[in-house]
Amino acid sequence: MESDPSDFSLAQAAIKSSDLPAIDHLTLSFFVLDAVDSDEAARYILNRLSASSDSAENVLRSIKRELAQLSRKFARHDALPLEVDEALRGELRPLLEAAITKDLTEKLFSLIQFSDKPSQLKNLWLMSPTWFAERQLPGYFVQGILQGRKGFYTPPTSPDEQLYPLPEAFLLQIHRVLSHPLHFLAIERQIHQGWPLVNDPMPLGAVARSLLRGLFALLPTVICVQLYKLVNKAVDKFDPAQKGSAIKFLPFGLVLKSSHRVSKSEANALHLVEKYTSINAPRLINATVVNDTDLRINNHPVHNYLLMTRVPGDDLSDVFYRMTYEERAQFAKDLGKCISEYRQIPSSHNTNHEICDTLGGAFRDNRMGGGLHGPFDSKIDFLNYLSPGRLAALRDELPLSALYRNNHRIVFSHSDLHRTNIKVRGGRLVGIIDWEAAGFKPEYWEYTRAVWPYFGDRRVEKEMALAFEKSYAEELEAEKLLWRRYLMF
């Protein structure tokens, strides 16, 4: 019988609508997504839910517990006991079939029956849980044949095939499916242990910042450039981990950004945020901008330099997965306060351009493609720029017409609230970095621009919407049309 194409979406909707912790939603959603046959796994979820008189939450919790139990059995490092075989053939068998299909389950048990080939069984059960994460390393094999050996090994120059792990592709397929639940179990343990205590170094004080600013103000541009080049070389030599990076972390809580994308507008954005808000953002020490027009010499971009203070904390992208829904809601409130605060920054440039960078000029925005864009005298000019060619015929139709019809204030915007640009500590917002794309934009832009990198992720859209005082749902639908039709990626 042909599978119902709606089973996957129905199962995902049932999981996401249940009142469960974020980590449970993640575990169950990935179970369906990672299954060899996602429709079959989805039907398993739906059948369990419909066959039980218990609440959906309790049924899903039961499935999650069984999934954890199943995954642990594939991670044992001791000899295969009888109860493992019995469990896999008994109550956990339907779940295993949902995860890897009935055919692969039969193939698995056929392999297990070869009791005279212990190396096959060892290769099956002792497969390193880290193999999936390290699969990109060429020339490495999963270790599990040699007694007492763990991890990876590189084949010798004259390989002995008797020492190789068995190249059973379907075993790796099973491992891929069942390794994610083990990873989520580790995350769950982290969550239960709470956020680790971190002693951040003392930030550079106001007096020290003033002294440094005064010192750099006395130095000619050519001296600053040579100094920054020396700093970059020194960091590359003594801290190879930072070699080649445009962002260098220096002693005393300082950060040096070296890039042709550094602009006077970015420096001014840091100045405005410090002057008009209480937001924890990098504090500007010095900006040395010798090329504000994408100048290239011998096809190499001319670098500009931005010296600033470091904002402590973890990138939101690195810890968001382990934040509870309560922590995410509080984070959205904290972010909303920051957005409301910097939206009050006045436009002080002396130009007639409404939509522009912080100094009234052209601006960068990856959403609009590489290079500089604008400035624009009005929102209409801006929208027309976003909808050229064939898209122009759609300007009077929904959803695109909503961008033209709705009234939007032109406000100061960060314009890149990506999770890598947001710092958190202990699940709470501590600062916002990377103000390169900041400028004055229509108010909806901050929201639609923030969810653009996650196009199609409804949960991101809903969670980010909590940070805004009004809904931009119509504007988001219009932007999605532009993303699809104009492919501004």
Protein backbone atom coordinates (compact mmCIF):
# COMPACT_ATOMS: atom_id res chain seq x y z
CA MET A 1 0.00 0.00 0.00
CA GLU A 2 1.36 3.41 -0.92
CA SER A 3 2.24 5.59 2.05
CA ASP A 4 0.13 8.60 2.87
CA PRO A 5 2.29 11.67 2.14
CA SER A 6 0.58 13.51 5.00
CA ASP A 7 1.69 11.05 7.68
CA PHE A 8 5.00 12.81 8.20
CA SER A 9 3.47 16.26 8.66
CA LEU A 10 0.69 14.88 10.88
CA ALA A 11 3.18 13.15 13.16
CA GLN A 12 5.41 16.22 13.36
CA ALA A 13 2.38 18.38 14.15
CA ALA A 14 1.28 15.97 16.88
CA ILE A 15 4.75 16.07 18.41
CA LYS A 16 5.13 19.85 18.25
CA SER A 17 1.63 20.51 19.62
CA SER A 18 2.18 18.33 22.68
CA ASP A 19 3.00 19.90 26.02
CA LEU A 20 6.51 18.50 26.35
CA PRO A 21 9.95 19.98 27.04
CA ALA A 22 11.95 21.27 24.08
CA ILE A 23 14.44 18.39 24.27
CA ASP A 24 11.59 15.84 24.04
CA HIS A 25 10.21 17.57 20.95
CA LEU A 26 13.68 17.54 19.45
CA THR A 27 14.25 13.84 20.18
CA LEU A 28 10.90 12.70 18.79
CA SER A 29 11.01 14.98 15.75
CA PHE A 30 14.45 13.69 14.80
CA PHE A 31 13.28 10.10 15.33
CA VAL A 32 10.75 10.60 12.54
CA LEU A 33 13.11 12.69 10.41
CA ASP A 34 16.10 10.32 10.71
CA ALA A 35 14.20 7.06 10.25
CA VAL A 36 15.10 5.03 7.19
CA ASP A 37 11.47 5.44 6.11
CA SER A 38 10.09 8.63 7.66
CA ASP A 39 6.51 7.80 6.66
CA GLU A 40 6.75 4.45 8.41
CA ALA A 41 8.10 6.08 11.57
CA ALA A 42 5.37 8.72 11.35
CA ARG A 43 2.67 6.03 11.10
CA TYR A 44 4.14 4.34 14.16
CA ILE A 45 3.76 7.58 16.13
CA LEU A 46 0.22 8.16 14.87
CA ASN A 47 -0.86 4.57 15.53
CA ARG A 48 0.49 4.66 19.07
CA LEU A 49 -1.38 7.90 19.71
CA SER A 50 -4.68 6.69 18.26
CA ALA A 51 -4.54 3.28 19.95
CA SER A 52 -4.07 4.66 23.46
CA SER A 53 -6.66 6.22 25.76
CA ASP A 54 -3.87 8.00 27.60
CA SER A 55 -2.89 11.61 26.90
CA ALA A 56 -0.73 12.38 23.89
CA GLU A 57 2.00 13.63 26.22
CA ASN A 58 2.16 10.34 28.14
CA VAL A 59 2.20 8.28 24.94
CA LEU A 60 5.01 10.38 23.47
CA ARG A 61 6.97 10.20 26.73
CA SER A 62 6.64 6.42 26.60
CA ILE A 63 7.93 6.33 23.02
CA LYS A 64 10.85 8.54 24.00
CA ARG A 65 11.75 6.25 26.94
CA GLU A 66 11.62 3.20 24.69
CA LEU A 67 13.73 4.96 22.07
CA ALA A 68 16.34 5.75 24.71
CA GLN A 69 16.28 2.14 25.87
CA LEU A 70 16.66 0.91 22.31
CA SER A 71 19.57 3.24 21.57
CA ARG A 72 21.40 2.25 24.75
CA LYS A 73 21.29 -1.39 23.68
CA PHE A 74 23.16 -0.45 20.54
CA ALA A 75 25.81 1.34 22.61
CA ARG A 76 26.77 -1.47 24.98
CA HIS A 77 30.48 -2.26 25.17
CA ASP A 78 30.26 -5.61 26.96
CA ALA A 79 29.33 -9.00 25.59
CA LEU A 80 25.84 -9.27 24.14
CA PRO A 81 23.62 -10.68 26.91
CA LEU A 82 20.51 -12.73 26.31
CA GLU A 83 18.15 -10.02 27.55
CA VAL A 84 19.30 -7.64 24.82
CA ASP A 85 18.32 -10.13 22.15
CA GLU A 86 15.01 -10.82 23.90
CA ALA A 87 14.20 -7.12 24.25
CA LEU A 88 14.96 -6.41 20.61
CA ARG A 89 12.80 -9.33 19.52
CA GLY A 90 10.04 -8.47 22.00
CA GLU A 91 8.55 -5.18 23.16
CA LEU A 92 11.10 -2.98 21.36
CA ARG A 93 10.76 -4.78 18.03
CA PRO A 94 7.97 -2.53 16.62
CA LEU A 95 9.95 0.58 17.53
CA LEU A 96 13.08 -0.83 15.91
CA GLU A 97 11.13 -1.64 12.75
CA ALA A 98 9.70 1.89 12.72
CA ALA A 99 13.20 3.32 12.97
CA ILE A 100 15.04 1.15 10.45
CA THR A 101 12.18 -0.60 8.55
CA LYS A 102 11.07 -4.20 8.85
CA ASP A 103 13.41 -5.37 6.07
CA LEU A 104 16.54 -3.97 7.74
CA THR A 105 15.41 -5.40 11.08
CA GLU A 106 15.17 -8.86 9.53
CA LYS A 107 18.59 -8.38 7.96
CA LEU A 108 19.96 -7.32 11.33
CA PHE A 109 18.71 -10.43 13.09
CA SER A 110 19.96 -12.61 10.26
CA LEU A 111 23.45 -11.25 10.89
CA ILE A 112 23.14 -11.77 14.64
CA GLN A 113 22.37 -15.46 14.10
CA PHE A 114 25.91 -16.10 12.82
CA SER A 115 27.29 -17.06 16.23
CA ASP A 116 30.47 -18.48 14.69
CA LYS A 117 31.50 -15.02 13.52
CA PRO A 118 32.09 -13.00 16.72
CA SER A 119 33.93 -10.31 14.78
CA GLN A 120 30.72 -9.50 12.92
CA LEU A 121 28.79 -9.15 16.16
CA LYS A 122 31.50 -7.00 17.73
CA ASN A 123 31.57 -4.74 14.73
CA LEU A 124 27.83 -4.34 15.11
CA TRP A 125 27.61 -3.63 18.84
CA LEU A 126 30.90 -1.87 19.51
CA MET A 127 30.54 0.71 16.77
CA SER A 128 31.84 4.01 18.12
CA PRO A 129 28.98 6.46 18.84
CA THR A 130 31.22 9.23 17.52
CA TRP A 131 31.50 7.70 14.07
CA PHE A 132 28.58 9.67 12.71
CA ALA A 133 30.12 12.96 13.84
CA GLU A 134 33.51 12.06 12.41
CA ARG A 135 32.28 10.56 9.15
CA GLN A 136 33.91 13.33 7.13
CA LEU A 137 37.44 12.15 8.01
CA PRO A 138 38.73 10.25 4.98
CA GLY A 139 40.64 7.04 5.46
CA TYR A 140 39.25 6.30 8.92
CA PHE A 141 37.27 3.25 9.93
CA VAL A 142 35.15 2.35 12.90
CA GLN A 143 37.28 0.43 15.35
CA GLY A 144 35.79 -2.66 16.96
CA ILE A 145 37.70 -5.75 15.88
CA LEU A 146 40.92 -5.62 17.89
CA GLN A 147 40.57 -6.50 21.55
CA GLY A 148 41.12 -3.55 23.86
CA ARG A 149 41.22 -0.99 21.06
CA LYS A 150 38.82 1.94 20.86
CA GLY A 151 38.24 4.94 18.62
CA PHE A 152 39.62 5.24 15.10
CA TYR A 153 42.62 3.79 13.34
CA THR A 154 44.24 4.40 9.96
CA PRO A 155 44.76 1.38 7.70
CA PRO A 156 48.42 0.36 7.32
CA THR A 157 50.33 0.69 4.07
CA SER A 158 49.98 -3.05 3.44
CA PRO A 159 46.49 -3.65 4.83
CA ASP A 160 45.51 -6.98 6.33
CA GLU A 161 41.86 -7.51 5.49
CA GLN A 162 41.43 -9.67 8.59
CA LEU A 163 41.96 -6.57 10.76
CA TYR A 164 39.37 -4.42 8.99
CA PRO A 165 35.93 -3.82 10.45
CA LEU A 166 33.28 -5.37 8.25
CA PRO A 167 32.05 -2.96 5.57
CA GLU A 168 28.36 -3.67 6.16
CA ALA A 169 26.72 -0.51 4.86
CA PHE A 170 23.35 -1.24 6.44
CA LEU A 171 24.99 -1.37 9.89
CA LEU A 172 26.21 2.18 9.39
CA GLN A 173 22.70 3.12 8.32
CA ILE A 174 21.31 1.68 11.55
CA HIS A 175 23.99 3.48 13.51
CA ARG A 176 23.06 6.79 11.88
CA VAL A 177 19.43 6.40 12.90
CA LEU A 178 20.08 5.34 16.48
CA SER A 179 23.01 7.61 17.32
CA HIS A 180 20.91 10.78 17.53
CA PRO A 181 18.84 9.60 20.52
CA LEU A 182 22.09 8.94 22.40
CA HIS A 183 23.18 12.49 21.63
CA PHE A 184 19.87 13.87 22.88
CA LEU A 185 20.20 11.82 26.07
CA ALA A 186 23.54 13.50 26.71
CA ILE A 187 21.91 16.91 26.13
CA GLU A 188 19.15 16.01 28.57
CA ARG A 189 21.74 15.20 31.22
CA GLN A 190 23.34 18.60 30.61
CA ILE A 191 19.99 20.31 31.08
CA HIS A 192 19.33 18.49 34.35
CA GLN A 193 22.77 19.49 35.63
CA GLY A 194 21.99 23.15 35.00
CA TRP A 195 24.09 25.81 33.33
CA PRO A 196 27.80 25.68 34.20
CA LEU A 197 29.21 28.52 36.24
CA VAL A 198 31.61 30.63 34.17
CA ASN A 199 33.86 33.35 35.53
CA ASP A 200 34.12 35.88 32.74
CA PRO A 201 37.19 38.14 32.80
CA MET A 202 36.70 41.68 33.98
CA PRO A 203 35.65 43.93 31.08
CA LEU A 204 37.69 46.94 30.12
CA GLY A 205 36.44 49.82 32.26
CA ALA A 206 35.28 53.22 31.05
CA VAL A 207 38.53 54.92 32.12
CA ALA A 208 40.70 52.38 30.30
CA ARG A 209 38.52 52.69 27.20
CA SER A 210 38.85 56.47 27.25
CA LEU A 211 42.63 56.25 27.56
CA LEU A 212 42.89 53.83 24.65
CA ARG A 213 40.58 55.94 22.51
CA GLY A 214 42.69 58.99 23.20
CA LEU A 215 45.90 57.13 22.40
CA PHE A 216 44.65 55.87 19.03
CA ALA A 217 43.25 59.31 18.20
CA LEU A 218 46.82 60.63 18.32
CA LEU A 219 48.17 58.03 15.90
CA PRO A 220 48.19 58.67 12.14
CA THR A 221 46.18 56.26 10.02
CA VAL A 222 49.29 54.74 8.45
CA ILE A 223 50.69 53.91 11.91
CA CYS A 224 47.39 52.34 12.99
CA VAL A 225 47.32 50.16 9.88
CA GLN A 226 50.88 48.92 10.46
CA LEU A 227 50.14 48.31 14.14
CA TYR A 228 47.06 46.23 13.33
CA LYS A 229 49.00 44.22 10.75
CA LEU A 230 51.62 43.43 13.39
CA VAL A 231 48.92 42.43 15.87
CA ASN A 232 47.35 40.09 13.31
CA LYS A 233 50.72 38.46 12.57
CA ALA A 234 51.48 38.05 16.27
CA VAL A 235 48.12 36.42 16.98
CA ASP A 236 48.51 34.08 14.01
CA LYS A 237 51.93 33.03 15.30
CA PHE A 238 51.17 32.57 18.99
CA ASP A 239 47.56 31.41 18.65
CA PRO A 240 47.30 29.30 15.46
CA ALA A 241 43.65 28.54 16.21
CA GLN A 242 42.83 32.13 15.21
CA LYS A 243 44.97 32.12 12.08
CA GLY A 244 43.12 33.38 9.03
CA SER A 245 40.15 34.64 11.01
CA ALA A 246 38.88 38.17 10.40
CA ILE A 247 38.06 38.37 14.11
CA LYS A 248 40.99 38.21 16.52
CA PHE A 249 40.47 37.91 20.27
CA LEU A 250 43.16 39.88 22.09
CA PRO A 251 44.22 40.22 25.73
CA PHE A 252 42.40 42.60 28.08
CA GLY A 253 39.02 41.77 26.59
CA LEU A 254 39.72 43.40 23.22
CA VAL A 255 38.67 42.24 19.76
CA LEU A 256 40.22 43.25 16.43
CA LYS A 257 38.14 42.94 13.28
CA SER A 258 40.13 43.13 10.03
CA SER A 259 38.07 43.11 6.87
CA HIS A 260 37.18 45.12 3.78
CA ARG A 261 33.61 44.98 5.15
CA VAL A 262 34.53 47.11 8.18
CA SER A 263 33.00 50.52 7.60
CA LYS A 264 32.58 53.90 9.22
CA SER A 265 28.89 53.06 9.51
CA GLU A 266 29.62 50.02 11.68
CA ALA A 267 31.85 52.11 13.92
CA ASN A 268 29.14 54.75 14.14
CA ALA A 269 26.56 52.07 14.99
CA LEU A 270 28.64 51.07 18.03
CA HIS A 271 28.91 54.73 18.99
CA LEU A 272 25.14 55.25 18.73
CA VAL A 273 24.30 52.12 20.70
CA GLU A 274 26.67 53.16 23.49
CA LYS A 275 25.38 56.74 23.51
CA TYR A 276 21.63 56.13 23.40
CA THR A 277 21.08 52.69 24.95
CA SER A 278 22.10 50.45 27.83
CA ILE A 279 22.54 47.44 25.53
CA ASN A 280 25.66 45.37 26.10
CA ALA A 281 27.35 45.69 22.72
CA PRO A 282 31.02 45.97 21.75
CA ARG A 283 32.43 49.34 22.80
CA LEU A 284 34.34 51.10 20.06
CA ILE A 285 38.01 51.84 20.74
CA ASN A 286 39.21 52.76 17.26
CA ALA A 287 38.10 52.45 13.65
CA THR A 288 40.72 52.74 10.93
CA VAL A 289 38.90 52.85 7.61
CA VAL A 290 41.08 53.43 4.55
CA ASN A 291 38.66 51.87 2.08
CA ASP A 292 34.93 52.47 2.41
CA THR A 293 34.06 51.63 -1.21
CA ASP A 294 35.13 47.98 -1.65
CA LEU A 295 38.43 49.10 -3.21
CA ARG A 296 40.65 46.25 -4.43
CA ILE A 297 44.36 46.37 -5.23
CA ASN A 298 45.73 43.55 -7.40
CA ASN A 299 42.35 41.85 -6.94
CA HIS A 300 42.81 41.80 -3.16
CA PRO A 301 40.44 43.74 -0.90
CA VAL A 302 41.93 46.54 1.16
CA HIS A 303 41.34 45.80 4.82
CA ASN A 304 39.88 48.19 7.34
CA TYR A 305 40.20 47.71 11.08
CA LEU A 306 37.85 47.90 14.03
CA LEU A 307 39.19 47.65 17.58
CA MET A 308 36.50 47.09 20.18
CA THR A 309 35.73 45.40 23.48
CA ARG A 310 34.57 41.82 23.71
CA VAL A 311 31.05 40.87 24.79
CA PRO A 312 31.22 37.78 27.03
CA GLY A 313 28.91 34.79 26.74
CA ASP A 314 28.13 31.92 24.42
CA ASP A 315 26.79 32.29 20.92
CA LEU A 316 23.07 31.61 21.04
CA SER A 317 23.59 29.20 18.14
CA ASP A 318 25.83 27.03 20.36
CA VAL A 319 23.41 26.63 23.26
CA PHE A 320 19.92 27.24 21.90
CA TYR A 321 19.33 23.50 21.50
CA ARG A 322 19.50 22.99 25.28
CA MET A 323 17.42 25.98 26.33
CA THR A 324 14.00 25.14 27.75
CA TYR A 325 10.87 26.75 26.38
CA GLU A 326 10.68 28.88 29.51
CA GLU A 327 14.23 30.11 28.94
CA ARG A 328 13.48 30.78 25.28
CA ALA A 329 10.41 32.82 26.20
CA GLN A 330 12.44 34.87 28.68
CA PHE A 331 15.17 35.33 26.09
CA ALA A 332 12.59 36.66 23.61
CA LYS A 333 11.39 39.18 26.19
CA ASP A 334 14.96 40.31 26.88
CA LEU A 335 15.67 40.63 23.16
CA GLY A 336 12.44 42.54 22.69
CA LYS A 337 13.55 45.10 25.28
CA CYS A 338 16.81 45.60 23.40
CA ILE A 339 15.01 46.02 20.08
CA SER A 340 12.58 48.55 21.56
CA GLU A 341 15.50 50.41 23.08
CA TYR A 342 17.68 50.75 20.00
CA ARG A 343 14.67 51.61 17.84
CA GLN A 344 14.64 54.91 19.72
CA ILE A 345 18.06 55.88 18.33
CA PRO A 346 17.48 59.03 16.26
CA SER A 347 18.52 59.45 12.65
CA SER A 348 21.21 62.13 12.88
CA HIS A 349 22.69 61.97 9.37
CA ASN A 350 22.30 65.04 7.16
CA THR A 351 20.81 63.43 4.07
CA ASN A 352 17.38 63.02 2.51
CA HIS A 353 17.67 59.24 2.51
CA GLU A 354 15.15 57.42 4.68
CA ILE A 355 16.59 53.92 4.30
CA CYS A 356 20.35 53.88 4.62
CA ASP A 357 23.27 52.99 6.85
CA THR A 358 23.92 54.85 10.10
CA LEU A 359 25.61 57.71 8.24
CA GLY A 360 23.01 58.11 5.50
CA GLY A 361 24.84 56.10 2.85
CA ALA A 362 24.67 52.72 1.13
CA PHE A 363 24.56 49.64 3.32
CA ARG A 364 25.42 45.96 3.32
CA ASP A 365 22.90 43.20 3.88
CA ASN A 366 23.41 39.55 2.98
CA ARG A 367 19.66 39.18 2.54
CA MET A 368 19.95 41.50 -0.48
CA GLY A 369 23.10 39.94 -1.91
CA GLY A 370 26.74 40.99 -1.84
CA GLY A 371 28.05 44.50 -2.16
CA LEU A 372 26.43 47.79 -1.19
CA HIS A 373 22.77 48.72 -1.63
CA GLY A 374 20.96 52.04 -1.63
CA PRO A 375 20.58 54.45 -0.06
CA PHE A 376 16.85 54.90 -0.70
CA ASP A 377 14.81 58.07 -0.37
CA SER A 378 11.64 56.23 0.67
CA LYS A 379 10.18 52.87 1.59
CA ILE A 380 8.60 52.66 -1.87
CA ASP A 381 12.02 52.99 -3.52
CA PHE A 382 13.36 50.31 -1.20
CA LEU A 383 10.49 47.90 -1.95
CA ASN A 384 10.75 48.50 -5.69
CA TYR A 385 14.44 47.64 -5.46
CA LEU A 386 13.52 44.36 -3.74
CA SER A 387 10.95 43.42 -6.38
CA PRO A 388 12.49 44.01 -9.82
CA GLY A 389 11.64 42.51 -13.18
CA ARG A 390 8.74 40.07 -13.21
CA LEU A 391 8.12 40.64 -9.51
CA ALA A 392 6.99 44.19 -10.29
CA ALA A 393 3.71 42.80 -11.67
CA LEU A 394 2.93 41.32 -8.25
CA ARG A 395 3.29 44.52 -6.25
CA ASP A 396 -0.46 45.17 -6.26
CA GLU A 397 -1.35 41.62 -5.21
CA LEU A 398 -1.18 39.89 -1.85
CA PRO A 399 1.06 39.10 -0.15
CA LEU A 400 3.48 41.60 -1.73
CA SER A 401 0.98 44.46 -1.61
CA ALA A 402 0.99 44.28 2.21
CA LEU A 403 4.51 45.70 2.23
CA TYR A 404 3.30 48.74 0.29
CA ARG A 405 -0.07 49.09 2.05
CA ASN A 406 0.92 48.74 5.70
CA ASN A 407 2.36 51.73 7.51
CA HIS A 408 5.89 51.14 8.74
CA ARG A 409 8.08 53.38 10.81
CA ILE A 410 11.66 53.77 9.63
CA VAL A 411 13.73 52.82 12.67
CA PHE A 412 17.28 51.97 13.66
CA SER A 413 17.79 48.26 13.01
CA HIS A 414 20.54 45.78 13.72
CA SER A 415 19.54 43.93 10.52
CA ASP A 416 21.28 40.65 11.34
CA LEU A 417 19.91 39.13 14.54
CA HIS A 418 21.33 35.74 13.66
CA ARG A 419 21.96 33.40 16.57
CA THR A 420 25.71 33.72 16.06
CA ASN A 421 25.40 37.46 16.76
CA ILE A 422 23.58 37.09 20.06
CA LYS A 423 25.43 36.33 23.28
CA VAL A 424 23.82 34.45 26.16
CA ARG A 425 24.98 33.18 29.52
CA GLY A 426 23.02 30.70 31.59
CA GLY A 427 20.17 30.89 29.11
CA ARG A 428 19.81 34.68 29.45
CA LEU A 429 20.64 37.37 26.92
CA VAL A 430 23.85 39.22 27.76
CA GLY A 431 24.69 41.12 24.57
CA ILE A 432 24.44 41.66 20.81
CA ILE A 433 27.43 41.80 18.47
CA ASP A 434 28.21 42.37 14.76
CA TRP A 435 26.49 45.66 13.93
CA GLU A 436 27.94 45.68 10.39
CA ALA A 437 24.52 45.80 8.68
CA ALA A 438 22.95 48.28 11.10
CA GLY A 439 21.05 51.20 9.67
CA PHE A 440 17.62 52.72 9.28
CA LYS A 441 15.07 50.30 7.81
CA PRO A 442 11.30 49.71 7.81
CA GLU A 443 10.30 48.32 11.19
CA TYR A 444 9.26 44.90 9.83
CA TRP A 445 12.75 44.30 8.41
CA GLU A 446 14.29 43.40 11.76
CA TYR A 447 11.88 40.47 12.16
CA THR A 448 11.84 39.14 8.61
CA ARG A 449 15.61 39.56 8.30
CA ALA A 450 16.15 37.61 11.55
CA VAL A 451 14.17 34.58 10.37
CA TRP A 452 15.47 34.69 6.78
CA PRO A 453 18.44 32.33 7.44
CA TYR A 454 16.00 29.77 8.87
CA PHE A 455 13.51 30.00 6.00
CA GLY A 456 10.76 27.43 6.52
CA ASP A 457 11.33 26.87 10.24
CA ARG A 458 7.96 27.76 11.76
CA ARG A 459 9.22 27.39 15.30
CA VAL A 460 11.96 29.99 14.72
CA GLU A 461 9.35 32.33 13.25
CA LYS A 462 7.10 31.94 16.29
CA GLU A 463 9.89 32.26 18.84
CA MET A 464 11.38 35.34 17.19
CA ALA A 465 7.92 36.92 16.90
CA LEU A 466 7.75 36.99 20.71
CA ALA A 467 10.45 39.66 20.70
CA PHE A 468 8.28 42.15 18.82
CA GLU A 469 5.38 44.22 20.07
CA LYS A 470 3.34 43.78 16.89
CA SER A 471 2.82 41.04 14.35
CA TYR A 472 4.61 41.09 11.02
CA ALA A 473 2.95 37.94 9.69
CA GLU A 474 1.79 39.62 6.46
CA GLU A 475 5.20 41.09 5.85
CA LEU A 476 6.82 37.70 6.43
CA GLU A 477 4.61 36.07 3.80
CA ALA A 478 5.54 38.82 1.36
CA GLU A 479 9.22 38.38 2.11
CA LYS A 480 8.94 34.63 1.61
CA LEU A 481 7.56 35.30 -1.85
CA LEU A 482 10.59 37.47 -2.60
CA TRP A 483 12.95 34.83 -1.22
CA ARG A 484 11.43 32.15 -3.43
CA ARG A 485 11.04 34.18 -6.61
CA TYR A 486 14.14 36.33 -6.55
CA LEU A 487 16.40 33.87 -4.72
CA MET A 488 18.32 36.49 -2.78
CA PHE A 489 20.64 34.05 -1.02
